[in-house]
Amino acid sequence: MQSVELSIFRFFAQESYEYYFQKYPISYDASLTLFDALESIPGLAFDKSMGLRVQGLCVFADVQLQELVDKFGVNLRIEPLNQKYVEKDLLINREAIYKRYDEFFATHDFIEPSHRYELHKFLWANLISLRDDSEYLGDGFFLYIHWLLERYPKHFDTLIHTLAGSQSGVMSYVPVEALIYTPNPHTRAISPIIKQLIDKVARFGICPGCGCAWISQLESMRPKALTQPLLPASLESTPEPKNSAQSAESTPNRFMLFDAYTLREAAPMITSARALLHTLGFELVDCAKFGSFIPFGAKSGNFYAHILEPETFIQRIFYNLIIAHKASATLVFGDLEHYAYAKWALDRAQENPALQTKIAQRFANVIDTASIASLLDTRVAFIGDFTQSSPSGSILDSFTFVAYPNTLLESVLTPPYEHNNLLGLHEPNTTRPSTPATRQNPNDTKNTLLKLITLAHSIKTPAQRLGGKWLSVLECAQDFSHLYEFNREAYFTQSARVRFACIDSGADVIIVSSVAQFRAFTTHARAGAASIGRDDVQIPILYPSQLALLALGQHAGCDSRTLRTLERA
């Protein structure tokens, strides 16, 4: 028998407004589950069907205690999904949440009484997100509307308009998968369902606040279709590899750096990523003779683009992949967002022969159906794959860092990279991994740079040589940067809350993985601070490539203001 200490949230609304955490030492063997352990505690109230949080992550399906100990250690913090709606201990007051939708049911009297009660089955999903936004209708409510649409197709317009508010509706959705440890066995696919609703609202919804049809915004959300010429004619004469094995794999030291970003805040990332590759001695191929890269998505970014026009979005990604493929080079991304979307596009094409045919037809001037297999073998990489250790005595030794998103901190451990969860590109797994330590304690520190920005599993360099202390902040599990175009209020307030959660945790530097995140934490930092009533605090925001160069004693891509802020930190 082994022992684990459960620190459990205790509260009873009828007796006190104060909550506390009570510690319970639990002896367990390999067969004991978390829910069984909680049921053994006298007087503890909780509801299996609503789930709870362990170390801040949502647990909706029972899990063995041994697995949790392997992941988080022998001290586990157990909390309700949301403290606002606690009735007693871990028990959520469903009726208090349900009451919020009284007005909805009063104005939608066509919904049968028994169908109204079905909302209770979806309320757990309202409580996953950490966002503090009273206007937002809730992810569980969105899942319920999807359920109603299947039963009341004649009321499609009415139900869709309910979801069309720019602040309250699905257009303000932020994926929650990175906050889920074990998914609800009855409703696994949260993001895929809500993305279907986003597509419907964008095409048919009318915003109740301003009365404008969302379709008027469609041009700024969806990627533009490719036009002729599709790719430079010079690529037509570029010889294809003789077989798929003789693709970019045969020239592993040739790389191209993707640089087609729509935001000016990408400049320091591109500069530092290029400098890092040169410093590490990798060959960078000039893409000028092969063609210029193009942005993946639209004015509003990649999030809405990949939902509204997935085929066009994928074709634009393959436009870039073909350039690298023709050069027999690996396409390197300085940010995890574009890297994750490129991997997603390759995966979609791999599993869809019809999509492969469309890609071959679209780019028929440079690639044919017979060579599509070698195109699908095009290598893509994140700049972190190339990060090496710095000499001992790094200038970073005295800093405390936070990674945003925190899945960037974990992704080295469990391929495929869990950053995809932040984007809601994949459904959560229902089977638990057998390998230990795949998730980090939000309060744990990591004296490692390697696990933050190195995703190459073959690199075994001692991480501690790079110095620094690493914090994993739970609030970093969600990215609100795509809300900028359509919900500025939520964009500023929620991004600011994430940034100040990092600052309040003791971070000296925040490492971000996308250009939009960098913009939220730099260009819009002051406006974000004002939106939540905080004085702005100057804290360095760095891309992984900038941090790696600093560890190597260089500062390419860091402007004088960033360097001064680092000196003050």
Protein backbone atom coordinates (compact mmCIF):
# COMPACT_ATOMS: atom_id res chain seq x y z
CA MET A 1 0.00 0.00 0.00
CA GLN A 2 1.13 3.52 -0.82
CA SER A 3 -0.04 6.87 0.50
CA VAL A 4 -1.27 10.09 -1.15
CA GLU A 5 -2.48 13.30 0.47
CA LEU A 6 -5.69 14.80 -0.91
CA SER A 7 -6.17 18.50 -0.18
CA ILE A 8 -9.95 18.84 -0.66
CA PHE A 9 -12.06 21.97 -1.00
CA ARG A 10 -14.66 22.13 1.81
CA PHE A 11 -17.59 24.53 1.91
CA PHE A 12 -21.24 24.56 2.98
CA ALA A 13 -23.28 27.59 1.87
CA GLN A 14 -25.88 27.17 4.61
CA GLU A 15 -23.29 27.38 7.37
CA SER A 16 -20.56 29.75 6.22
CA TYR A 17 -19.34 31.89 3.35
CA GLU A 18 -15.75 30.80 3.98
CA TYR A 19 -14.17 27.80 2.27
CA TYR A 20 -11.05 25.92 3.28
CA PHE A 21 -8.93 22.99 2.14
CA GLN A 22 -8.84 19.92 4.35
CA LYS A 23 -6.06 17.37 4.01
CA TYR A 24 -6.80 13.64 3.91
CA PRO A 25 -4.05 11.02 3.84
CA ILE A 26 -5.26 8.11 1.71
CA SER A 27 -3.68 4.68 1.52
CA TYR A 28 -4.15 3.13 -1.89
CA ASP A 29 -3.23 0.23 -4.12
CA ALA A 30 -3.16 0.01 -7.91
CA SER A 31 -6.91 -0.60 -8.13
CA LEU A 32 -8.20 2.36 -6.09
CA THR A 33 -9.77 5.17 -8.16
CA LEU A 34 -10.18 8.83 -7.33
CA PHE A 35 -13.97 8.67 -7.07
CA ASP A 36 -13.79 5.60 -4.80
CA ALA A 37 -11.32 7.43 -2.57
CA LEU A 38 -13.62 10.48 -2.34
CA GLU A 39 -16.64 8.31 -1.54
CA SER A 40 -14.73 6.83 1.39
CA ILE A 41 -14.49 10.25 3.09
CA PRO A 42 -17.43 10.71 5.50
CA GLY A 43 -19.70 13.66 4.79
CA LEU A 44 -17.94 14.76 1.60
CA ALA A 45 -20.42 15.95 -1.05
CA PHE A 46 -19.67 15.56 -4.74
CA ASP A 47 -21.43 14.59 -7.95
CA LYS A 48 -19.71 12.19 -10.34
CA SER A 49 -21.79 13.36 -13.28
CA MET A 50 -20.55 16.96 -12.94
CA GLY A 51 -16.88 16.16 -12.43
CA LEU A 52 -14.26 18.09 -10.45
CA ARG A 53 -10.77 19.52 -10.78
CA VAL A 54 -7.47 17.89 -9.91
CA GLN A 55 -4.53 20.31 -9.92
CA GLY A 56 -6.82 22.68 -11.81
CA LEU A 57 -7.62 20.25 -14.65
CA CYS A 58 -11.11 18.86 -15.16
CA VAL A 59 -11.76 15.20 -14.35
CA PHE A 60 -15.08 13.96 -15.72
CA ALA A 61 -14.31 10.23 -15.92
CA ASP A 62 -12.93 8.26 -13.01
CA VAL A 63 -9.19 7.67 -12.96
CA GLN A 64 -6.86 5.52 -10.87
CA LEU A 65 -5.10 7.32 -8.04
CA GLN A 66 -1.80 5.78 -9.11
CA GLU A 67 -2.04 7.55 -12.46
CA LEU A 68 -2.68 10.91 -10.79
CA VAL A 69 0.28 10.36 -8.49
CA ASP A 70 2.46 9.54 -11.50
CA LYS A 71 1.39 12.76 -13.18
CA PHE A 72 1.19 15.23 -10.31
CA GLY A 73 2.93 13.78 -7.28
CA VAL A 74 1.71 12.63 -3.87
CA ASN A 75 -0.04 15.89 -2.93
CA LEU A 76 -3.24 16.37 -4.93
CA ARG A 77 -5.45 19.45 -4.82
CA ILE A 78 -9.14 18.58 -5.34
CA GLU A 79 -11.62 21.38 -6.15
CA PRO A 80 -15.11 21.82 -7.61
CA LEU A 81 -15.37 22.77 -11.27
CA ASN A 82 -16.38 26.30 -10.32
CA GLN A 83 -16.47 27.86 -6.85
CA LYS A 84 -19.20 30.33 -7.81
CA TYR A 85 -21.83 27.58 -8.06
CA VAL A 86 -20.74 25.39 -5.14
CA GLU A 87 -23.55 24.12 -2.94
CA LYS A 88 -21.44 21.99 -0.63
CA ASP A 89 -17.81 20.84 -0.91
CA LEU A 90 -17.37 19.56 -4.48
CA LEU A 91 -21.10 19.53 -5.23
CA ILE A 92 -22.32 22.01 -7.87
CA ASN A 93 -25.74 23.64 -7.59
CA ARG A 94 -27.14 22.85 -11.04
CA GLU A 95 -30.36 24.73 -10.43
CA ALA A 96 -28.46 27.96 -9.86
CA ILE A 97 -26.84 27.58 -13.29
CA TYR A 98 -30.11 26.49 -14.90
CA LYS A 99 -31.92 29.56 -13.56
CA ARG A 100 -29.70 31.76 -15.70
CA TYR A 101 -31.62 30.52 -18.77
CA ASP A 102 -35.15 31.26 -17.51
CA GLU A 103 -35.52 34.11 -19.98
CA PHE A 104 -34.38 31.89 -22.86
CA PHE A 105 -37.05 29.30 -22.10
CA ALA A 106 -39.70 32.00 -21.59
CA THR A 107 -39.10 33.33 -25.11
CA HIS A 108 -38.73 29.89 -26.73
CA ASP A 109 -42.01 28.31 -25.66
CA PHE A 110 -41.89 25.76 -28.50
CA ILE A 111 -39.39 23.68 -26.49
CA GLU A 112 -41.16 20.81 -24.76
CA PRO A 113 -40.90 20.63 -20.93
CA SER A 114 -38.98 17.36 -21.01
CA HIS A 115 -36.52 18.84 -23.51
CA ARG A 116 -35.97 21.86 -21.30
CA TYR A 117 -34.75 19.60 -18.53
CA GLU A 118 -32.14 18.14 -20.89
CA LEU A 119 -30.09 21.30 -20.39
CA HIS A 120 -28.98 19.87 -17.03
CA LYS A 121 -27.02 17.19 -18.89
CA PHE A 122 -24.81 19.81 -20.53
CA LEU A 123 -24.21 22.26 -17.68
CA TRP A 124 -20.87 20.67 -16.70
CA ALA A 125 -19.36 22.07 -19.90
CA ASN A 126 -20.20 25.63 -18.77
CA LEU A 127 -17.69 25.27 -15.95
CA ILE A 128 -14.55 24.11 -17.78
CA SER A 129 -13.30 27.48 -19.00
CA LEU A 130 -11.50 29.78 -16.58
CA ARG A 131 -12.89 32.89 -18.30
CA ASP A 132 -14.60 35.44 -16.09
CA ASP A 133 -17.30 36.78 -18.40
CA SER A 134 -20.90 37.20 -17.25
CA GLU A 135 -22.08 38.00 -20.80
CA TYR A 136 -20.93 34.67 -22.23
CA LEU A 137 -23.77 32.14 -22.48
CA GLY A 138 -21.58 29.12 -21.79
CA ASP A 139 -20.14 26.17 -23.71
CA GLY A 140 -22.64 23.74 -22.16
CA PHE A 141 -25.50 25.93 -23.35
CA PHE A 142 -24.03 25.85 -26.86
CA LEU A 143 -23.92 22.04 -26.77
CA TYR A 144 -27.55 22.08 -25.67
CA ILE A 145 -28.55 24.35 -28.59
CA HIS A 146 -26.83 21.89 -30.94
CA TRP A 147 -28.96 19.15 -29.36
CA LEU A 148 -32.11 21.26 -29.84
CA LEU A 149 -31.32 21.98 -33.50
CA GLU A 150 -31.53 18.27 -34.24
CA ARG A 151 -35.00 18.12 -32.70
CA TYR A 152 -36.45 21.47 -33.82
CA PRO A 153 -35.14 22.04 -37.36
CA LYS A 154 -38.12 24.30 -38.15
CA HIS A 155 -36.85 26.73 -35.52
CA PHE A 156 -33.31 26.86 -36.93
CA ASP A 157 -33.23 30.64 -37.37
CA THR A 158 -34.54 31.37 -33.89
CA LEU A 159 -32.04 29.05 -32.21
CA ILE A 160 -29.10 30.23 -34.29
CA HIS A 161 -29.85 33.89 -33.54
CA THR A 162 -29.66 33.00 -29.83
CA LEU A 163 -25.99 32.14 -30.38
CA ALA A 164 -25.17 35.15 -32.55
CA GLY A 165 -24.23 37.76 -29.94
CA SER A 166 -20.68 39.00 -30.46
CA GLN A 167 -19.96 38.87 -26.71
CA SER A 168 -22.39 36.22 -25.53
CA GLY A 169 -22.40 33.75 -28.42
CA VAL A 170 -20.28 31.10 -30.10
CA MET A 171 -18.14 33.59 -32.02
CA SER A 172 -16.44 34.26 -28.67
CA TYR A 173 -15.71 30.58 -28.06
CA VAL A 174 -12.24 29.65 -26.82
CA PRO A 175 -11.26 25.95 -26.95
CA VAL A 176 -11.22 24.23 -23.55
CA GLU A 177 -9.55 20.89 -24.33
CA ALA A 178 -6.26 21.88 -22.70
CA LEU A 179 -8.14 22.20 -19.37
CA ILE A 180 -9.55 18.65 -19.50
CA TYR A 181 -7.69 15.73 -17.97
CA THR A 182 -10.31 13.02 -18.49
CA PRO A 183 -13.16 13.93 -20.87
CA ASN A 184 -16.83 13.39 -20.20
CA PRO A 185 -17.61 9.91 -21.58
CA HIS A 186 -21.02 11.07 -22.84
CA THR A 187 -19.92 14.23 -24.71
CA ARG A 188 -16.31 14.18 -25.80
CA ALA A 189 -16.29 16.47 -28.83
CA ILE A 190 -16.77 19.97 -27.42
CA SER A 191 -14.76 22.03 -29.90
CA PRO A 192 -15.89 20.13 -33.04
CA ILE A 193 -19.56 20.66 -32.12
CA ILE A 194 -19.16 24.34 -31.25
CA LYS A 195 -17.14 24.93 -34.42
CA GLN A 196 -20.11 23.59 -36.39
CA LEU A 197 -22.25 26.19 -34.63
CA ILE A 198 -19.72 28.93 -35.42
CA ASP A 199 -19.99 28.04 -39.09
CA LYS A 200 -23.80 28.23 -38.96
CA VAL A 201 -23.83 31.54 -37.08
CA ALA A 202 -21.29 33.09 -39.48
CA ARG A 203 -23.52 32.22 -42.44
CA PHE A 204 -27.03 32.64 -41.04
CA GLY A 205 -26.86 34.46 -37.69
CA ILE A 206 -27.84 38.04 -36.91
CA CYS A 207 -26.17 39.72 -33.95
CA PRO A 208 -28.94 40.73 -31.51
CA GLY A 209 -26.93 43.67 -30.23
CA CYS A 210 -26.37 45.56 -33.50
CA GLY A 211 -28.78 43.76 -35.83
CA CYS A 212 -26.02 43.05 -38.35
CA ALA A 213 -25.81 39.74 -40.18
CA TRP A 214 -22.59 37.86 -39.50
CA ILE A 215 -22.30 37.05 -43.18
CA SER A 216 -21.27 40.69 -43.69
CA GLN A 217 -18.13 39.85 -41.69
CA LEU A 218 -17.49 36.65 -43.60
CA GLU A 219 -14.88 38.14 -45.92
CA SER A 220 -12.65 39.09 -42.99
CA MET A 221 -13.00 35.64 -41.44
CA ARG A 222 -12.52 33.22 -44.30
CA PRO A 223 -9.29 32.72 -46.25
CA LYS A 224 -9.19 33.94 -49.83
CA ALA A 225 -9.28 31.30 -52.54
CA LEU A 226 -6.05 30.90 -54.43
CA THR A 227 -5.90 32.51 -57.87
CA GLN A 228 -3.70 31.99 -60.92
CA PRO A 229 -0.81 31.70 -61.18
CA LEU A 230 -0.89 29.17 -58.36
CA LEU A 231 2.87 28.80 -58.06
CA PRO A 232 5.83 30.10 -60.05
CA ALA A 233 6.26 28.37 -63.41
CA SER A 234 9.91 27.79 -62.54
CA LEU A 235 8.78 25.09 -60.12
CA GLU A 236 7.48 23.02 -63.00
CA SER A 237 10.99 22.11 -64.03
CA THR A 238 12.15 21.24 -60.55
CA PRO A 239 12.75 17.47 -60.49
CA GLU A 240 10.60 15.39 -58.18
CA PRO A 241 12.27 12.94 -55.80
CA LYS A 242 12.39 9.48 -57.33
CA ASN A 243 10.36 8.09 -54.47
CA SER A 244 8.80 9.30 -51.25
CA ALA A 245 11.78 8.10 -49.25
CA GLN A 246 13.95 10.48 -51.28
CA SER A 247 12.04 13.55 -50.18
CA ALA A 248 13.04 16.12 -47.59
CA GLU A 249 14.18 13.19 -45.44
CA SER A 250 17.16 12.75 -47.80
CA THR A 251 18.40 16.31 -47.17
CA PRO A 252 17.82 16.78 -43.43
CA ASN A 253 20.08 19.86 -43.20
CA ARG A 254 18.12 22.03 -45.67
CA PHE A 255 15.54 24.31 -44.11
CA MET A 256 13.16 27.08 -45.09
CA LEU A 257 11.79 29.54 -42.54
CA PHE A 258 8.12 30.44 -42.93
CA ASP A 259 7.76 34.24 -42.87
CA ALA A 260 4.28 35.05 -44.24
CA TYR A 261 2.66 36.51 -41.13
CA THR A 262 0.00 39.22 -41.33
CA LEU A 263 0.87 40.91 -38.02
CA ARG A 264 3.87 43.21 -37.66
CA GLU A 265 4.57 41.66 -34.25
CA ALA A 266 6.02 38.65 -36.09
CA ALA A 267 9.16 40.60 -37.04
CA PRO A 268 11.22 39.81 -33.89
CA MET A 269 10.25 36.15 -34.15
CA ILE A 270 11.37 35.88 -37.78
CA THR A 271 14.62 37.73 -37.09
CA SER A 272 15.50 35.65 -34.03
CA ALA A 273 14.47 32.33 -35.61
CA ARG A 274 16.66 33.02 -38.65
CA ALA A 275 19.55 34.07 -36.43
CA LEU A 276 19.16 30.99 -34.25
CA LEU A 277 19.28 28.63 -37.22
CA HIS A 278 22.38 30.39 -38.57
CA THR A 279 24.01 30.32 -35.15
CA LEU A 280 23.39 26.60 -34.84
CA GLY A 281 24.92 26.00 -38.27
CA PHE A 282 21.82 24.91 -40.21
CA GLU A 283 21.49 25.66 -43.92
CA LEU A 284 18.67 28.05 -44.73
CA VAL A 285 17.42 27.83 -48.31
CA ASP A 286 16.48 31.11 -49.98
CA CYS A 287 12.87 30.68 -51.02
CA ALA A 288 13.01 33.52 -53.57
CA LYS A 289 13.61 31.23 -56.55
CA PHE A 290 10.91 28.82 -55.39
CA GLY A 291 8.22 31.39 -54.66
CA SER A 292 7.03 33.54 -51.76
CA PHE A 293 5.15 32.08 -48.84
CA ILE A 294 1.57 33.23 -48.26
CA PRO A 295 -0.45 33.61 -45.01
CA PHE A 296 -2.58 30.64 -43.97
CA GLY A 297 -5.76 32.38 -42.93
CA ALA A 298 -7.58 35.69 -43.20
CA LYS A 299 -7.53 39.16 -41.67
CA SER A 300 -9.04 37.81 -38.46
CA GLY A 301 -6.42 35.06 -38.22
CA ASN A 302 -6.40 31.29 -38.53
CA PHE A 303 -9.05 30.28 -36.00
CA TYR A 304 -12.17 31.29 -37.92
CA ALA A 305 -10.54 30.57 -41.28
CA HIS A 306 -9.98 26.88 -40.57
CA ILE A 307 -13.61 26.55 -39.42
CA LEU A 308 -15.40 28.44 -42.19
CA GLU A 309 -13.38 27.37 -45.24
CA PRO A 310 -11.32 24.33 -44.23
CA GLU A 311 -10.50 23.21 -47.77
CA THR A 312 -9.34 26.65 -48.87
CA PHE A 313 -7.39 27.00 -45.63
CA ILE A 314 -5.69 23.64 -46.23
CA GLN A 315 -4.92 24.54 -49.85
CA ARG A 316 -3.19 27.72 -48.69
CA ILE A 317 -1.11 25.68 -46.26
CA PHE A 318 -0.18 23.25 -49.04
CA TYR A 319 0.85 26.16 -51.24
CA ASN A 320 3.60 26.79 -48.67
CA LEU A 321 4.38 23.11 -48.23
CA ILE A 322 4.91 22.67 -51.98
CA ILE A 323 7.55 25.43 -52.00
CA ALA A 324 9.50 23.60 -49.27
CA HIS A 325 8.87 20.23 -50.92
CA LYS A 326 10.24 21.39 -54.27
CA ALA A 327 13.35 22.65 -52.50
CA SER A 328 13.72 19.33 -50.64
CA ALA A 329 13.70 21.38 -47.45
CA THR A 330 12.03 21.15 -44.07
CA LEU A 331 9.59 24.02 -43.47
CA VAL A 332 10.36 25.62 -40.12
CA PHE A 333 7.86 27.70 -38.13
CA GLY A 334 8.88 30.18 -35.47
CA ASP A 335 5.50 29.81 -33.74
CA LEU A 336 3.61 26.76 -32.54
CA GLU A 337 0.26 27.99 -33.88
CA HIS A 338 1.23 27.81 -37.56
CA TYR A 339 3.20 24.64 -36.96
CA ALA A 340 0.13 22.98 -35.38
CA TYR A 341 -2.12 24.03 -38.27
CA ALA A 342 0.41 22.72 -40.81
CA LYS A 343 0.49 19.36 -39.02
CA TRP A 344 -3.31 19.39 -38.89
CA ALA A 345 -3.53 20.00 -42.65
CA LEU A 346 -1.08 17.18 -43.38
CA ASP A 347 -3.03 14.83 -41.11
CA ARG A 348 -6.34 15.75 -42.77
CA ALA A 349 -4.89 15.10 -46.21
CA GLN A 350 -3.28 11.83 -45.15
CA GLU A 351 -6.63 10.41 -44.07
CA ASN A 352 -8.70 11.82 -46.95
CA PRO A 353 -7.92 10.54 -50.51
CA ALA A 354 -10.55 12.87 -51.98
CA LEU A 355 -8.76 15.87 -50.44
CA GLN A 356 -5.48 14.60 -51.87
CA THR A 357 -7.03 14.58 -55.33
CA LYS A 358 -8.31 18.15 -54.91
CA ILE A 359 -4.86 19.32 -53.82
CA ALA A 360 -3.26 17.65 -56.83
CA GLN A 361 -5.82 19.25 -59.15
CA ARG A 362 -5.42 22.69 -57.59
CA PHE A 363 -1.63 22.61 -58.03
CA ALA A 364 -1.57 20.60 -61.25
CA ASN A 365 1.03 22.92 -62.80
CA VAL A 366 3.67 21.83 -60.29
CA ILE A 367 2.53 18.51 -58.84
CA ASP A 368 0.54 15.54 -60.10
CA THR A 369 -1.57 12.90 -58.42
CA ALA A 370 1.25 10.36 -58.59
CA SER A 371 3.57 12.56 -56.53
CA ILE A 372 1.04 13.54 -53.85
CA ALA A 373 2.42 10.85 -51.52
CA SER A 374 5.85 12.46 -51.47
CA LEU A 375 4.24 15.86 -50.84
CA LEU A 376 2.50 14.44 -47.78
CA ASP A 377 5.93 13.44 -46.48
CA THR A 378 7.08 17.07 -46.46
CA ARG A 379 8.72 17.74 -43.14
CA VAL A 380 7.59 20.60 -40.93
CA ALA A 381 9.24 21.69 -37.72
CA PHE A 382 8.88 24.13 -34.87
CA ILE A 383 11.90 26.32 -34.12
CA GLY A 384 12.14 24.64 -30.73
CA ASP A 385 13.23 21.45 -32.52
CA PHE A 386 16.58 23.13 -33.14
CA THR A 387 17.24 24.51 -29.69
CA GLN A 388 20.49 23.40 -28.15
CA SER A 389 21.87 24.08 -24.69
CA SER A 390 23.90 27.15 -23.90
CA PRO A 391 27.23 27.24 -22.07
CA SER A 392 27.00 26.84 -18.31
CA GLY A 393 26.47 29.99 -16.32
CA SER A 394 23.68 31.22 -18.57
CA ILE A 395 22.47 34.81 -18.20
CA LEU A 396 19.03 33.31 -17.61
CA ASP A 397 19.92 31.62 -14.33
CA SER A 398 18.32 34.30 -12.17
CA PHE A 399 14.99 34.51 -14.03
CA THR A 400 11.62 32.92 -13.37
CA PHE A 401 9.69 32.04 -16.54
CA VAL A 402 6.12 31.21 -17.50
CA ALA A 403 5.20 29.49 -20.76
CA TYR A 404 2.04 30.58 -22.59
CA PRO A 405 0.31 28.33 -23.39
CA ASN A 406 1.29 25.92 -20.65
CA THR A 407 0.85 23.08 -23.15
CA LEU A 408 4.11 24.37 -24.65
CA LEU A 409 5.76 23.27 -21.40
CA GLU A 410 4.24 19.79 -21.65
CA SER A 411 4.41 19.12 -25.37
CA VAL A 412 7.90 17.66 -25.31
CA LEU A 413 6.56 14.70 -23.35
CA THR A 414 3.58 13.49 -25.33
CA PRO A 415 3.55 13.69 -29.12
CA PRO A 416 1.48 14.65 -31.03
CA TYR A 417 2.03 18.07 -29.53
CA GLU A 418 -0.67 19.02 -27.08
CA HIS A 419 -0.69 22.58 -28.39
CA ASN A 420 -3.31 21.21 -30.77
CA ASN A 421 -5.60 21.02 -27.73
CA LEU A 422 -5.22 24.75 -27.21
CA LEU A 423 -6.52 25.27 -30.75
CA GLY A 424 -9.24 22.64 -30.37
CA LEU A 425 -7.95 20.77 -33.43
CA HIS A 426 -8.28 17.30 -31.94
CA GLU A 427 -10.70 15.56 -29.63
CA PRO A 428 -9.32 14.54 -26.23
CA ASN A 429 -8.28 10.93 -25.79
CA THR A 430 -10.59 8.65 -23.87
CA THR A 431 -7.84 6.15 -23.12
CA ARG A 432 -5.31 7.25 -20.56
CA PRO A 433 -1.62 7.13 -21.54
CA SER A 434 0.50 4.60 -19.73
CA THR A 435 3.65 6.72 -19.71
CA PRO A 436 4.28 8.68 -16.50
CA ALA A 437 4.56 12.42 -16.02
CA THR A 438 2.64 13.55 -19.08
CA ARG A 439 1.15 16.52 -17.25
CA GLN A 440 2.63 19.03 -14.87
CA ASN A 441 1.49 20.28 -11.51
CA PRO A 442 0.38 23.91 -12.01
CA ASN A 443 2.38 24.83 -8.90
CA ASP A 444 5.44 22.80 -9.87
CA THR A 445 8.67 24.48 -10.96
CA LYS A 446 10.91 23.22 -13.75
CA ASN A 447 14.58 24.13 -13.78
CA THR A 448 14.69 23.45 -17.49
CA LEU A 449 14.72 25.27 -20.76
CA LEU A 450 14.89 22.04 -22.72
CA LYS A 451 11.37 20.91 -21.81
CA LEU A 452 9.96 24.30 -22.63
CA ILE A 453 11.30 25.03 -26.08
CA THR A 454 12.86 21.80 -27.29
CA LEU A 455 10.42 19.37 -28.87
CA ALA A 456 13.06 17.15 -30.47
CA HIS A 457 12.88 13.96 -28.41
CA SER A 458 16.32 12.78 -29.50
CA ILE A 459 18.10 15.67 -27.78
CA LYS A 460 19.43 14.57 -24.39
CA THR A 461 21.35 17.70 -23.40
CA PRO A 462 21.29 18.42 -19.64
CA ALA A 463 18.53 20.96 -19.40
CA GLN A 464 19.68 22.56 -16.17
CA ARG A 465 22.65 24.14 -17.94
CA LEU A 466 20.31 26.69 -19.42
CA GLY A 467 19.21 27.94 -16.05
CA GLY A 468 16.08 29.66 -14.88
CA LYS A 469 13.06 28.50 -12.90
CA TRP A 470 9.87 27.56 -14.73
CA LEU A 471 6.31 27.95 -13.50
CA SER A 472 3.24 26.36 -15.05
CA VAL A 473 0.27 28.74 -14.62
CA LEU A 474 -3.16 27.18 -15.08
CA GLU A 475 -4.65 30.30 -16.68
CA CYS A 476 -2.25 29.80 -19.59
CA ALA A 477 -4.32 26.84 -20.79
CA GLN A 478 -6.55 29.11 -22.90
CA ASP A 479 -5.70 31.56 -25.67
CA PHE A 480 -8.10 34.49 -26.22
CA SER A 481 -6.07 36.26 -28.91
CA HIS A 482 -8.41 35.32 -31.79
CA LEU A 483 -11.22 37.36 -30.19
CA TYR A 484 -9.58 40.66 -31.17
CA GLU A 485 -11.62 41.27 -34.32
CA PHE A 486 -15.10 40.53 -32.95
CA ASN A 487 -15.06 40.82 -29.17
CA ARG A 488 -12.51 43.42 -28.11
CA GLU A 489 -13.81 43.59 -24.54
CA ALA A 490 -13.27 39.88 -23.89
CA TYR A 491 -9.98 39.97 -25.80
CA PHE A 492 -8.55 42.70 -23.59
CA THR A 493 -9.92 41.53 -20.25
CA GLN A 494 -9.29 37.79 -20.60
CA SER A 495 -5.80 38.22 -22.13
CA ALA A 496 -4.94 40.67 -19.36
CA ARG A 497 -6.09 38.22 -16.71
CA VAL A 498 -3.80 35.58 -18.17
CA ARG A 499 -0.85 37.98 -18.29
CA PHE A 500 -1.36 39.16 -14.72
CA ALA A 501 -1.80 35.57 -13.51
CA CYS A 502 1.72 34.98 -14.83
CA ILE A 503 3.01 38.16 -13.20
CA ASP A 504 1.29 37.45 -9.88
CA SER A 505 2.76 33.94 -9.85
CA GLY A 506 6.22 35.49 -9.76
CA ALA A 507 7.23 35.33 -13.42
CA ASP A 508 10.03 37.59 -14.66
CA VAL A 509 9.55 36.63 -18.32
CA ILE A 510 6.62 35.18 -20.33
CA ILE A 511 7.34 32.96 -23.32
CA VAL A 512 4.60 32.99 -25.97
CA SER A 513 4.04 30.60 -28.85
CA SER A 514 2.04 32.66 -31.35
CA VAL A 515 2.21 36.10 -32.92
CA ALA A 516 -1.32 36.98 -31.80
CA GLN A 517 -0.40 36.12 -28.21
CA PHE A 518 2.69 38.30 -28.49
CA ARG A 519 0.51 41.18 -29.70
CA ALA A 520 -1.94 40.72 -26.82
CA PHE A 521 0.86 40.85 -24.25
CA THR A 522 2.90 43.68 -25.81
CA THR A 523 1.08 46.06 -28.18
CA HIS A 524 -2.19 45.76 -26.24
CA ALA A 525 -0.77 45.24 -22.75
CA ARG A 526 -1.65 48.72 -21.49
CA ALA A 527 -5.23 48.58 -22.79
CA GLY A 528 -5.61 45.11 -21.29
CA ALA A 529 -4.40 46.25 -17.88
CA ALA A 530 -6.82 49.19 -17.92
CA SER A 531 -9.72 46.87 -18.81
CA ILE A 532 -9.32 44.98 -15.52
CA GLY A 533 -8.35 47.99 -13.40
CA ARG A 534 -4.68 47.11 -12.98
CA ASP A 535 -1.64 49.34 -13.36
CA ASP A 536 0.41 48.20 -16.32
CA VAL A 537 3.49 46.20 -15.39
CA GLN A 538 6.41 45.96 -17.78
CA ILE A 539 7.45 42.35 -18.17
CA PRO A 540 9.53 40.91 -21.03
CA ILE A 541 7.52 38.89 -23.56
CA LEU A 542 9.71 36.62 -25.68
CA TYR A 543 9.37 34.10 -28.44
CA PRO A 544 11.17 30.76 -27.86
CA SER A 545 13.78 31.65 -30.49
CA GLN A 546 14.56 34.94 -28.72
CA LEU A 547 14.99 33.11 -25.45
CA ALA A 548 17.26 30.51 -27.02
CA LEU A 549 19.48 33.23 -28.46
CA LEU A 550 19.68 34.98 -25.10
CA ALA A 551 20.76 31.68 -23.58
CA LEU A 552 23.51 31.63 -26.20
CA GLY A 553 24.54 35.17 -25.33
CA GLN A 554 22.96 36.87 -28.36
CA HIS A 555 20.02 39.24 -28.65
CA ALA A 556 18.95 39.26 -32.32
CA GLY A 557 15.26 40.13 -32.52
CA CYS A 558 15.22 41.82 -29.09
CA ASP A 559 14.73 45.57 -29.30
CA SER A 560 16.30 47.98 -26.84
CA ARG A 561 13.10 48.26 -24.81
CA THR A 562 12.94 44.48 -24.31
CA LEU A 563 16.60 44.37 -23.31
CA ARG A 564 16.09 47.21 -20.81
CA THR A 565 13.08 45.38 -19.33
CA LEU A 566 15.16 42.22 -19.03
CA GLU A 567 17.89 44.17 -17.26
CA ARG A 568 15.38 45.59 -14.78
CA ALA A 569 13.91 42.13 -14.20
